[in-house]
Amino acid sequence: MIKNYLADISSIREKLKTQKDMFKSSFEGDKQFSEVD
C-alpha cells in the first residue's frame, strides 16, 4: 500500500508539473503581460 501511494504521488506530481508548465506558458505568450512583468 505504501509503494502504491508512492507511485500515485509520483504520477500526480508529474501531471501537476505538466499543468503548471501549460499555465505558465499561457502567460509568457501574452504581450501585455510580458510588458507588465
PDB file of all heavy atoms in Angstrom:
ATOM      1  N   MET A   1       0.836  -1.207   0.000  1.00  0.00           N
ATOM      2  CA  MET A   1       0.000   0.000   0.000  1.00  0.00           C
ATOM      3  C   MET A   1       0.866   1.249   0.000  1.00  0.00           C
ATOM      4  O   MET A   1       0.584   2.226  -0.717  1.00  0.00           O
ATOM      5  CB  MET A   1      -0.936  -0.009   1.221  1.00  0.00           C
ATOM      6  CG  MET A   1      -2.059  -1.042   1.090  1.00  0.00           C
ATOM      7  SD  MET A   1      -3.074  -1.253   2.571  1.00  0.00           S
ATOM      8  CE  MET A   1      -3.542   0.393   2.979  1.00  0.00           C
ATOM      9  N   ILE A   2       1.949   1.249   0.768  1.00  0.00           N
ATOM     10  CA  ILE A   2       2.870   2.392   0.799  1.00  0.00           C
ATOM     11  C   ILE A   2       3.475   2.593  -0.584  1.00  0.00           C
ATOM     12  O   ILE A   2       3.531   3.712  -1.099  1.00  0.00           O
ATOM     13  CB  ILE A   2       3.958   2.177   1.870  1.00  0.00           C
ATOM     14  CG1 ILE A   2       3.342   2.273   3.265  1.00  0.00           C
ATOM     15  CG2 ILE A   2       5.084   3.200   1.710  1.00  0.00           C
ATOM     16  CD1 ILE A   2       4.266   1.840   4.397  1.00  0.00           C
ATOM     17  N   LYS A   3       3.912   1.511  -1.212  1.00  0.00           N
ATOM     18  CA  LYS A   3       4.504   1.612  -2.554  1.00  0.00           C
ATOM     19  C   LYS A   3       3.484   2.127  -3.563  1.00  0.00           C
ATOM     20  O   LYS A   3       3.824   2.927  -4.442  1.00  0.00           O
ATOM     21  CB  LYS A   3       5.065   0.253  -2.992  1.00  0.00           C
ATOM     22  CG  LYS A   3       6.308  -0.135  -2.226  1.00  0.00           C
ATOM     23  CD  LYS A   3       6.792  -1.523  -2.602  1.00  0.00           C
ATOM     24  CE  LYS A   3       7.985  -1.922  -1.748  1.00  0.00           C
ATOM     25  NZ  LYS A   3       8.452  -3.272  -2.047  1.00  0.00           N
ATOM     26  N   ASN A   4       2.230   1.679  -3.448  1.00  0.00           N
ATOM     27  CA  ASN A   4       1.181   2.174  -4.351  1.00  0.00           C
ATOM     28  C   ASN A   4       0.975   3.681  -4.175  1.00  0.00           C
ATOM     29  O   ASN A   4       0.828   4.412  -5.151  1.00  0.00           O
ATOM     30  CB  ASN A   4      -0.129   1.424  -4.113  1.00  0.00           C
ATOM     31  CG  ASN A   4      -0.079  -0.007  -4.601  1.00  0.00           C
ATOM     32  OD1 ASN A   4       0.797  -0.393  -5.366  1.00  0.00           O
ATOM     33  ND2 ASN A   4      -1.017  -0.811  -4.135  1.00  0.00           N
ATOM     34  N   TYR A   5       0.948   4.126  -2.926  1.00  0.00           N
ATOM     35  CA  TYR A   5       0.783   5.557  -2.674  1.00  0.00           C
ATOM     36  C   TYR A   5       1.977   6.353  -3.196  1.00  0.00           C
ATOM     37  O   TYR A   5       1.817   7.435  -3.753  1.00  0.00           O
ATOM     38  CB  TYR A   5       0.564   5.836  -1.182  1.00  0.00           C
ATOM     39  CG  TYR A   5      -0.894   5.817  -0.804  1.00  0.00           C
ATOM     40  CD1 TYR A   5      -1.489   4.661  -0.329  1.00  0.00           C
ATOM     41  CD2 TYR A   5      -1.688   6.948  -0.941  1.00  0.00           C
ATOM     42  CE1 TYR A   5      -2.829   4.626   0.014  1.00  0.00           C
ATOM     43  CE2 TYR A   5      -3.027   6.928  -0.605  1.00  0.00           C
ATOM     44  CZ  TYR A   5      -3.594   5.772  -0.129  1.00  0.00           C
ATOM     45  OH  TYR A   5      -4.921   5.759   0.198  1.00  0.00           O
ATOM     46  N   LEU A   6       3.173   5.813  -3.032  1.00  0.00           N
ATOM     47  CA  LEU A   6       4.359   6.498  -3.561  1.00  0.00           C
ATOM     48  C   LEU A   6       4.258   6.641  -5.081  1.00  0.00           C
ATOM     49  O   LEU A   6       4.578   7.693  -5.640  1.00  0.00           O
ATOM     50  CB  LEU A   6       5.634   5.736  -3.188  1.00  0.00           C
ATOM     51  CG  LEU A   6       6.075   5.849  -1.733  1.00  0.00           C
ATOM     52  CD1 LEU A   6       7.223   4.877  -1.452  1.00  0.00           C
ATOM     53  CD2 LEU A   6       6.488   7.273  -1.404  1.00  0.00           C
ATOM     54  N   ALA A   7       3.808   5.593  -5.746  1.00  0.00           N
ATOM     55  CA  ALA A   7       3.638   5.643  -7.205  1.00  0.00           C
ATOM     56  C   ALA A   7       2.559   6.649  -7.584  1.00  0.00           C
ATOM     57  O   ALA A   7       2.726   7.423  -8.541  1.00  0.00           O
ATOM     58  CB  ALA A   7       3.294   4.256  -7.744  1.00  0.00           C
ATOM     59  N   ASP A   8       1.445   6.663  -6.848  1.00  0.00           N
ATOM     60  CA  ASP A   8       0.372   7.627  -7.116  1.00  0.00           C
ATOM     61  C   ASP A   8       0.863   9.054  -6.940  1.00  0.00           C
ATOM     62  O   ASP A   8       0.573   9.939  -7.761  1.00  0.00           O
ATOM     63  CB  ASP A   8      -0.821   7.390  -6.182  1.00  0.00           C
ATOM     64  CG  ASP A   8      -1.595   6.126  -6.507  1.00  0.00           C
ATOM     65  OD1 ASP A   8      -1.356   5.544  -7.593  1.00  0.00           O
ATOM     66  OD2 ASP A   8      -2.427   5.720  -5.671  1.00  0.00           O
ATOM     67  N   ILE A   9       1.609   9.300  -5.880  1.00  0.00           N
ATOM     68  CA  ILE A   9       2.144  10.642  -5.620  1.00  0.00           C
ATOM     69  C   ILE A   9       3.080  11.066  -6.740  1.00  0.00           C
ATOM     70  O   ILE A   9       3.016  12.205  -7.222  1.00  0.00           O
ATOM     71  CB  ILE A   9       2.847  10.682  -4.245  1.00  0.00           C
ATOM     72  CG1 ILE A   9       1.795  10.583  -3.128  1.00  0.00           C
ATOM     73  CG2 ILE A   9       3.700  11.938  -4.088  1.00  0.00           C
ATOM     74  CD1 ILE A   9       2.371  10.330  -1.752  1.00  0.00           C
ATOM     75  N   SER A  10       3.918  10.160  -7.194  1.00  0.00           N
ATOM     76  CA  SER A  10       4.831  10.468  -8.292  1.00  0.00           C
ATOM     77  C   SER A  10       4.057  10.815  -9.560  1.00  0.00           C
ATOM     78  O   SER A  10       4.382  11.786 -10.259  1.00  0.00           O
ATOM     79  CB  SER A  10       5.752   9.280  -8.543  1.00  0.00           C
ATOM     80  OG  SER A  10       6.608   9.537  -9.616  1.00  0.00           O
ATOM     81  N   SER A  11       3.033  10.049  -9.855  1.00  0.00           N
ATOM     82  CA  SER A  11       2.208  10.293 -11.042  1.00  0.00           C
ATOM     83  C   SER A  11       1.498  11.649 -10.941  1.00  0.00           C
ATOM     84  O   SER A  11       1.458  12.421 -11.906  1.00  0.00           O
ATOM     85  CB  SER A  11       1.190   9.169 -11.197  1.00  0.00           C
ATOM     86  OG  SER A  11       0.285   9.453 -12.234  1.00  0.00           O
ATOM     87  N   ILE A  12       0.943  11.936  -9.790  1.00  0.00           N
ATOM     88  CA  ILE A  12       0.242  13.213  -9.597  1.00  0.00           C
ATOM     89  C   ILE A  12       1.216  14.376  -9.730  1.00  0.00           C
ATOM     90  O   ILE A  12       0.888  15.414 -10.336  1.00  0.00           O
ATOM     91  CB  ILE A  12      -0.470  13.234  -8.225  1.00  0.00           C
ATOM     92  CG1 ILE A  12      -1.623  12.227  -8.226  1.00  0.00           C
ATOM     93  CG2 ILE A  12      -0.977  14.629  -7.888  1.00  0.00           C
ATOM     94  CD1 ILE A  12      -2.216  11.960  -6.855  1.00  0.00           C
ATOM     95  N   ARG A  13       2.425  14.227  -9.187  1.00  0.00           N
ATOM     96  CA  ARG A  13       3.435  15.297  -9.305  1.00  0.00           C
ATOM     97  C   ARG A  13       3.768  15.569 -10.771  1.00  0.00           C
ATOM     98  O   ARG A  13       3.926  16.721 -11.177  1.00  0.00           O
ATOM     99  CB  ARG A  13       4.696  14.919  -8.535  1.00  0.00           C
ATOM    100  CG  ARG A  13       4.562  15.139  -7.055  1.00  0.00           C
ATOM    101  CD  ARG A  13       5.880  14.921  -6.348  1.00  0.00           C
ATOM    102  NE  ARG A  13       5.740  15.248  -4.942  1.00  0.00           N
ATOM    103  CZ  ARG A  13       6.362  14.626  -3.964  1.00  0.00           C
ATOM    104  NH1 ARG A  13       7.196  13.636  -4.234  1.00  0.00           N
ATOM    105  NH2 ARG A  13       6.173  14.982  -2.720  1.00  0.00           N
ATOM    106  N   GLU A  14       3.902  14.512 -11.571  1.00  0.00           N
ATOM    107  CA  GLU A  14       4.201  14.678 -12.995  1.00  0.00           C
ATOM    108  C   GLU A  14       3.062  15.414 -13.706  1.00  0.00           C
ATOM    109  O   GLU A  14       3.293  16.323 -14.504  1.00  0.00           O
ATOM    110  CB  GLU A  14       4.458  13.324 -13.656  1.00  0.00           C
ATOM    111  CG  GLU A  14       5.833  12.775 -13.395  1.00  0.00           C
ATOM    112  CD  GLU A  14       6.931  13.667 -13.945  1.00  0.00           C
ATOM    113  OE1 GLU A  14       6.830  14.159 -15.083  1.00  0.00           O
ATOM    114  OE2 GLU A  14       7.909  13.899 -13.200  1.00  0.00           O
ATOM    115  N   LYS A  15       1.821  15.006 -13.426  1.00  0.00           N
ATOM    116  CA  LYS A  15       0.661  15.667 -14.032  1.00  0.00           C
ATOM    117  C   LYS A  15       0.588  17.128 -13.601  1.00  0.00           C
ATOM    118  O   LYS A  15       0.291  18.012 -14.413  1.00  0.00           O
ATOM    119  CB  LYS A  15      -0.632  14.944 -13.654  1.00  0.00           C
ATOM    120  CG  LYS A  15      -0.774  13.577 -14.285  1.00  0.00           C
ATOM    121  CD  LYS A  15      -2.025  12.875 -13.783  1.00  0.00           C
ATOM    122  CE  LYS A  15      -2.107  11.449 -14.316  1.00  0.00           C
ATOM    123  NZ  LYS A  15      -3.267  10.734 -13.751  1.00  0.00           N
ATOM    124  N   LEU A  16       0.856  17.377 -12.333  1.00  0.00           N
ATOM    125  CA  LEU A  16       0.834  18.741 -11.811  1.00  0.00           C
ATOM    126  C   LEU A  16       1.898  19.594 -12.487  1.00  0.00           C
ATOM    127  O   LEU A  16       1.639  20.748 -12.855  1.00  0.00           O
ATOM    128  CB  LEU A  16       1.045  18.716 -10.287  1.00  0.00           C
ATOM    129  CG  LEU A  16       0.976  20.045  -9.555  1.00  0.00           C
ATOM    130  CD1 LEU A  16      -0.378  20.714  -9.765  1.00  0.00           C
ATOM    131  CD2 LEU A  16       1.237  19.839  -8.067  1.00  0.00           C
ATOM    132  N   LYS A  17       3.087  19.043 -12.680  1.00  0.00           N
ATOM    133  CA  LYS A  17       4.163  19.770 -13.352  1.00  0.00           C
ATOM    134  C   LYS A  17       3.752  20.136 -14.775  1.00  0.00           C
ATOM    135  O   LYS A  17       3.952  21.272 -15.221  1.00  0.00           O
ATOM    136  CB  LYS A  17       5.443  18.939 -13.369  1.00  0.00           C
ATOM    137  CG  LYS A  17       6.629  19.647 -13.996  1.00  0.00           C
ATOM    138  CD  LYS A  17       7.835  18.746 -14.048  1.00  0.00           C
ATOM    139  CE  LYS A  17       9.061  19.384 -14.623  1.00  0.00           C
ATOM    140  NZ  LYS A  17       8.909  20.073 -15.885  1.00  0.00           N
ATOM    141  N   THR A  18       3.153  19.188 -15.480  1.00  0.00           N
ATOM    142  CA  THR A  18       2.699  19.438 -16.845  1.00  0.00           C
ATOM    143  C   THR A  18       1.663  20.560 -16.872  1.00  0.00           C
ATOM    144  O   THR A  18       1.742  21.476 -17.694  1.00  0.00           O
ATOM    145  CB  THR A  18       2.096  18.157 -17.455  1.00  0.00           C
ATOM    146  OG1 THR A  18       3.092  17.137 -17.444  1.00  0.00           O
ATOM    147  CG2 THR A  18       1.626  18.395 -18.866  1.00  0.00           C
ATOM    148  N   GLN A  19       0.700  20.501 -15.960  1.00  0.00           N
ATOM    149  CA  GLN A  19      -0.351  21.525 -15.916  1.00  0.00           C
ATOM    150  C   GLN A  19       0.230  22.899 -15.562  1.00  0.00           C
ATOM    151  O   GLN A  19      -0.162  23.916 -16.138  1.00  0.00           O
ATOM    152  CB  GLN A  19      -1.439  21.139 -14.907  1.00  0.00           C
ATOM    153  CG  GLN A  19      -2.226  19.906 -15.301  1.00  0.00           C
ATOM    154  CD  GLN A  19      -2.971  20.093 -16.612  1.00  0.00           C
ATOM    155  OE1 GLN A  19      -3.612  21.097 -16.843  1.00  0.00           O
ATOM    156  NE2 GLN A  19      -2.863  19.095 -17.494  1.00  0.00           N
ATOM    157  N   LYS A  20       1.170  22.927 -14.627  1.00  0.00           N
ATOM    158  CA  LYS A  20       1.791  24.199 -14.246  1.00  0.00           C
ATOM    159  C   LYS A  20       2.586  24.786 -15.414  1.00  0.00           C
ATOM    160  O   LYS A  20       2.576  25.999 -15.630  1.00  0.00           O
ATOM    161  CB  LYS A  20       2.709  24.008 -13.035  1.00  0.00           C
ATOM    162  CG  LYS A  20       1.959  23.907 -11.736  1.00  0.00           C
ATOM    163  CD  LYS A  20       2.934  23.801 -10.562  1.00  0.00           C
ATOM    164  CE  LYS A  20       2.211  23.798  -9.240  1.00  0.00           C
ATOM    165  NZ  LYS A  20       3.153  23.745  -8.095  1.00  0.00           N
ATOM    166  N   ASP A  21       3.277  23.925 -16.161  1.00  0.00           N
ATOM    167  CA  ASP A  21       4.026  24.398 -17.331  1.00  0.00           C
ATOM    168  C   ASP A  21       3.085  24.989 -18.378  1.00  0.00           C
ATOM    169  O   ASP A  21       3.379  26.031 -18.971  1.00  0.00           O
ATOM    170  CB  ASP A  21       4.848  23.260 -17.944  1.00  0.00           C
ATOM    171  CG  ASP A  21       6.035  22.869 -17.088  1.00  0.00           C
ATOM    172  OD1 ASP A  21       6.419  23.642 -16.192  1.00  0.00           O
ATOM    173  OD2 ASP A  21       6.586  21.764 -17.322  1.00  0.00           O
ATOM    174  N   MET A  22       1.959  24.325 -18.604  1.00  0.00           N
ATOM    175  CA  MET A  22       0.977  24.836 -19.564  1.00  0.00           C
ATOM    176  C   MET A  22       0.421  26.182 -19.088  1.00  0.00           C
ATOM    177  O   MET A  22       0.275  27.125 -19.875  1.00  0.00           O
ATOM    178  CB  MET A  22      -0.169  23.828 -19.743  1.00  0.00           C
ATOM    179  CG  MET A  22       0.237  22.599 -20.517  1.00  0.00           C
ATOM    180  SD  MET A  22      -1.003  21.271 -20.531  1.00  0.00           S
ATOM    181  CE  MET A  22      -2.527  22.090 -20.836  1.00  0.00           C
ATOM    182  N   PHE A  23       0.133  26.289 -17.814  1.00  0.00           N
ATOM    183  CA  PHE A  23      -0.390  27.519 -17.226  1.00  0.00           C
ATOM    184  C   PHE A  23       0.625  28.648 -17.389  1.00  0.00           C
ATOM    185  O   PHE A  23       0.285  29.752 -17.827  1.00  0.00           O
ATOM    186  CB  PHE A  23      -0.708  27.273 -15.746  1.00  0.00           C
ATOM    187  CG  PHE A  23      -1.365  28.418 -15.056  1.00  0.00           C
ATOM    188  CD1 PHE A  23      -2.713  28.687 -15.249  1.00  0.00           C
ATOM    189  CD2 PHE A  23      -0.649  29.226 -14.183  1.00  0.00           C
ATOM    190  CE1 PHE A  23      -3.333  29.738 -14.599  1.00  0.00           C
ATOM    191  CE2 PHE A  23      -1.256  30.273 -13.532  1.00  0.00           C
ATOM    192  CZ  PHE A  23      -2.599  30.535 -13.735  1.00  0.00           C
ATOM    193  N   LYS A  24       1.880  28.366 -17.060  1.00  0.00           N
ATOM    194  CA  LYS A  24       2.945  29.367 -17.144  1.00  0.00           C
ATOM    195  C   LYS A  24       3.161  29.826 -18.587  1.00  0.00           C
ATOM    196  O   LYS A  24       3.339  31.017 -18.851  1.00  0.00           O
ATOM    197  CB  LYS A  24       4.235  28.790 -16.574  1.00  0.00           C
ATOM    198  CG  LYS A  24       5.378  29.764 -16.519  1.00  0.00           C
ATOM    199  CD  LYS A  24       6.612  29.114 -15.920  1.00  0.00           C
ATOM    200  CE  LYS A  24       7.791  30.058 -15.960  1.00  0.00           C
ATOM    201  NZ  LYS A  24       9.014  29.425 -15.448  1.00  0.00           N
ATOM    202  N   SER A  25       3.124  28.899 -19.536  1.00  0.00           N
ATOM    203  CA  SER A  25       3.369  29.253 -20.935  1.00  0.00           C
ATOM    204  C   SER A  25       2.265  30.142 -21.502  1.00  0.00           C
ATOM    205  O   SER A  25       2.508  30.957 -22.401  1.00  0.00           O
ATOM    206  CB  SER A  25       3.541  28.001 -21.797  1.00  0.00           C
ATOM    207  OG  SER A  25       2.331  27.298 -21.903  1.00  0.00           O
ATOM    208  N   SER A  26       1.055  30.035 -20.968  1.00  0.00           N
ATOM    209  CA  SER A  26      -0.026  30.895 -21.461  1.00  0.00           C
ATOM    210  C   SER A  26       0.227  32.355 -21.099  1.00  0.00           C
ATOM    211  O   SER A  26      -0.197  33.258 -21.816  1.00  0.00           O
ATOM    212  CB  SER A  26      -1.380  30.424 -20.927  1.00  0.00           C
ATOM    213  OG  SER A  26      -1.435  30.526 -19.533  1.00  0.00           O
ATOM    214  N   PHE A  27       0.934  32.606 -20.022  1.00  0.00           N
ATOM    215  CA  PHE A  27       1.273  33.984 -19.647  1.00  0.00           C
ATOM    216  C   PHE A  27       2.460  34.501 -20.450  1.00  0.00           C
ATOM    217  O   PHE A  27       2.512  35.675 -20.812  1.00  0.00           O
ATOM    218  CB  PHE A  27       1.596  34.071 -18.148  1.00  0.00           C
ATOM    219  CG  PHE A  27       0.386  33.900 -17.280  1.00  0.00           C
ATOM    220  CD1 PHE A  27       0.090  32.672 -16.732  1.00  0.00           C
ATOM    221  CD2 PHE A  27      -0.457  34.963 -17.026  1.00  0.00           C
ATOM    222  CE1 PHE A  27      -1.021  32.495 -15.941  1.00  0.00           C
ATOM    223  CE2 PHE A  27      -1.577  34.811 -16.235  1.00  0.00           C
ATOM    224  CZ  PHE A  27      -1.863  33.564 -15.682  1.00  0.00           C
ATOM    225  N   GLU A  28       3.413  33.623 -20.715  1.00  0.00           N
ATOM    226  CA  GLU A  28       4.608  34.024 -21.430  1.00  0.00           C
ATOM    227  C   GLU A  28       4.298  34.465 -22.855  1.00  0.00           C
ATOM    228  O   GLU A  28       5.016  35.277 -23.422  1.00  0.00           O
ATOM    229  CB  GLU A  28       5.626  32.881 -21.434  1.00  0.00           C
ATOM    230  CG  GLU A  28       6.193  32.589 -20.061  1.00  0.00           C
ATOM    231  CD  GLU A  28       7.011  31.312 -20.010  1.00  0.00           C
ATOM    232  OE1 GLU A  28       6.988  30.522 -20.984  1.00  0.00           O
ATOM    233  OE2 GLU A  28       7.661  31.092 -18.976  1.00  0.00           O
ATOM    234  N   GLY A  29       3.228  33.959 -23.447  1.00  0.00           N
ATOM    235  CA  GLY A  29       2.871  34.311 -24.813  1.00  0.00           C
ATOM    236  C   GLY A  29       2.057  35.591 -24.932  1.00  0.00           C
ATOM    237  O   GLY A  29       1.821  36.072 -26.043  1.00  0.00           O
ATOM    238  N   ASP A  30       1.655  36.185 -23.830  1.00  0.00           N
ATOM    239  CA  ASP A  30       0.826  37.383 -23.844  1.00  0.00           C
ATOM    240  C   ASP A  30       1.706  38.625 -23.775  1.00  0.00           C
ATOM    241  O   ASP A  30       2.450  38.828 -22.806  1.00  0.00           O
ATOM    242  CB  ASP A  30      -0.147  37.354 -22.658  1.00  0.00           C
ATOM    243  CG  ASP A  30      -1.146  38.478 -22.718  1.00  0.00           C
ATOM    244  OD1 ASP A  30      -0.821  39.586 -22.243  1.00  0.00           O
ATOM    245  OD2 ASP A  30      -2.247  38.244 -23.257  1.00  0.00           O
ATOM    246  N   LYS A  31       1.617  39.499 -24.811  1.00  0.00           N
ATOM    247  CA  LYS A  31       2.474  40.682 -24.902  1.00  0.00           C
ATOM    248  C   LYS A  31       2.227  41.649 -23.746  1.00  0.00           C
ATOM    249  O   LYS A  31       3.178  42.157 -23.134  1.00  0.00           O
ATOM    250  CB  LYS A  31       2.240  41.394 -26.236  1.00  0.00           C
ATOM    251  CG  LYS A  31       3.127  42.595 -26.440  1.00  0.00           C
ATOM    252  CD  LYS A  31       2.876  43.282 -27.764  1.00  0.00           C
ATOM    253  CE  LYS A  31       3.751  44.516 -27.865  1.00  0.00           C
ATOM    254  NZ  LYS A  31       3.466  45.293 -29.048  1.00  0.00           N
ATOM    255  N   GLN A  32       0.963  41.905 -23.439  1.00  0.00           N
ATOM    256  CA  GLN A  32       0.636  42.852 -22.368  1.00  0.00           C
ATOM    257  C   GLN A  32       1.175  42.356 -21.024  1.00  0.00           C
ATOM    258  O   GLN A  32       1.742  43.114 -20.247  1.00  0.00           O
ATOM    259  CB  GLN A  32      -0.878  43.055 -22.285  1.00  0.00           C
ATOM    260  CG  GLN A  32      -1.289  44.112 -21.272  1.00  0.00           C
ATOM    261  CD  GLN A  32      -2.808  44.293 -21.230  1.00  0.00           C
ATOM    262  OE1 GLN A  32      -3.548  43.530 -21.852  1.00  0.00           O
ATOM    263  NE2 GLN A  32      -3.257  45.277 -20.492  1.00  0.00           N
ATOM    264  N   PHE A  33       1.015  41.072 -20.772  1.00  0.00           N
ATOM    265  CA  PHE A  33       1.536  40.509 -19.524  1.00  0.00           C
ATOM    266  C   PHE A  33       3.053  40.638 -19.478  1.00  0.00           C
ATOM    267  O   PHE A  33       3.622  40.962 -18.427  1.00  0.00           O
ATOM    268  CB  PHE A  33       1.128  39.039 -19.370  1.00  0.00           C
ATOM    269  CG  PHE A  33       1.668  38.405 -18.121  1.00  0.00           C
ATOM    270  CD1 PHE A  33       1.005  38.564 -16.914  1.00  0.00           C
ATOM    271  CD2 PHE A  33       2.841  37.667 -18.142  1.00  0.00           C
ATOM    272  CE1 PHE A  33       1.501  37.993 -15.749  1.00  0.00           C
ATOM    273  CE2 PHE A  33       3.344  37.099 -16.991  1.00  0.00           C
ATOM    274  CZ  PHE A  33       2.682  37.260 -15.796  1.00  0.00           C
ATOM    275  N   SER A  34       3.720  40.377 -20.596  1.00  0.00           N
ATOM    276  CA  SER A  34       5.178  40.457 -20.649  1.00  0.00           C
ATOM    277  C   SER A  34       5.670  41.857 -20.316  1.00  0.00           C
ATOM    278  O   SER A  34       6.650  42.036 -19.589  1.00  0.00           O
ATOM    279  CB  SER A  34       5.701  40.040 -22.021  1.00  0.00           C
ATOM    280  OG  SER A  34       5.414  38.680 -22.258  1.00  0.00           O
ATOM    281  N   GLU A  35       4.982  42.877 -20.849  1.00  0.00           N
ATOM    282  CA  GLU A  35       5.371  44.265 -20.574  1.00  0.00           C
ATOM    283  C   GLU A  35       5.213  44.582 -19.088  1.00  0.00           C
ATOM    284  O   GLU A  35       6.093  45.197 -18.476  1.00  0.00           O
ATOM    285  CB  GLU A  35       4.532  45.226 -21.417  1.00  0.00           C
ATOM    286  CG  GLU A  35       4.836  45.171 -22.890  1.00  0.00           C
ATOM    287  CD  GLU A  35       3.847  45.958 -23.739  1.00  0.00           C
ATOM    288  OE1 GLU A  35       2.869  46.508 -23.180  1.00  0.00           O
ATOM    289  OE2 GLU A  35       4.047  46.004 -24.963  1.00  0.00           O
ATOM    290  N   VAL A  36       4.093  44.195 -18.526  1.00  0.00           N
ATOM    291  CA  VAL A  36       3.851  44.437 -17.096  1.00  0.00           C
ATOM    292  C   VAL A  36       4.858  43.664 -16.251  1.00  0.00           C
ATOM    293  O   VAL A  36       5.352  44.166 -15.232  1.00  0.00           O
ATOM    294  CB  VAL A  36       2.402  44.065 -16.721  1.00  0.00           C
ATOM    295  CG1 VAL A  36       2.191  44.121 -15.223  1.00  0.00           C
ATOM    296  CG2 VAL A  36       1.417  44.960 -17.437  1.00  0.00           C
ATOM    297  N   ASP A  37       5.199  42.463 -16.678  1.00  0.00           N
ATOM    298  CA  ASP A  37       6.164  41.646 -15.953  1.00  0.00           C
ATOM    299  C   ASP A  37       7.537  42.318 -15.930  1.00  0.00           C
ATOM    300  O   ASP A  37       8.214  42.304 -14.894  1.00  0.00           O
ATOM    301  CB  ASP A  37       6.252  40.254 -16.580  1.00  0.00           C
ATOM    302  CG  ASP A  37       7.038  39.274 -15.736  1.00  0.00           C
ATOM    303  OD1 ASP A  37       6.828  39.256 -14.505  1.00  0.00           O
ATOM    304  OD2 ASP A  37       7.850  38.521 -16.305  1.00  0.00           O
TER     305      ASP A  37
END
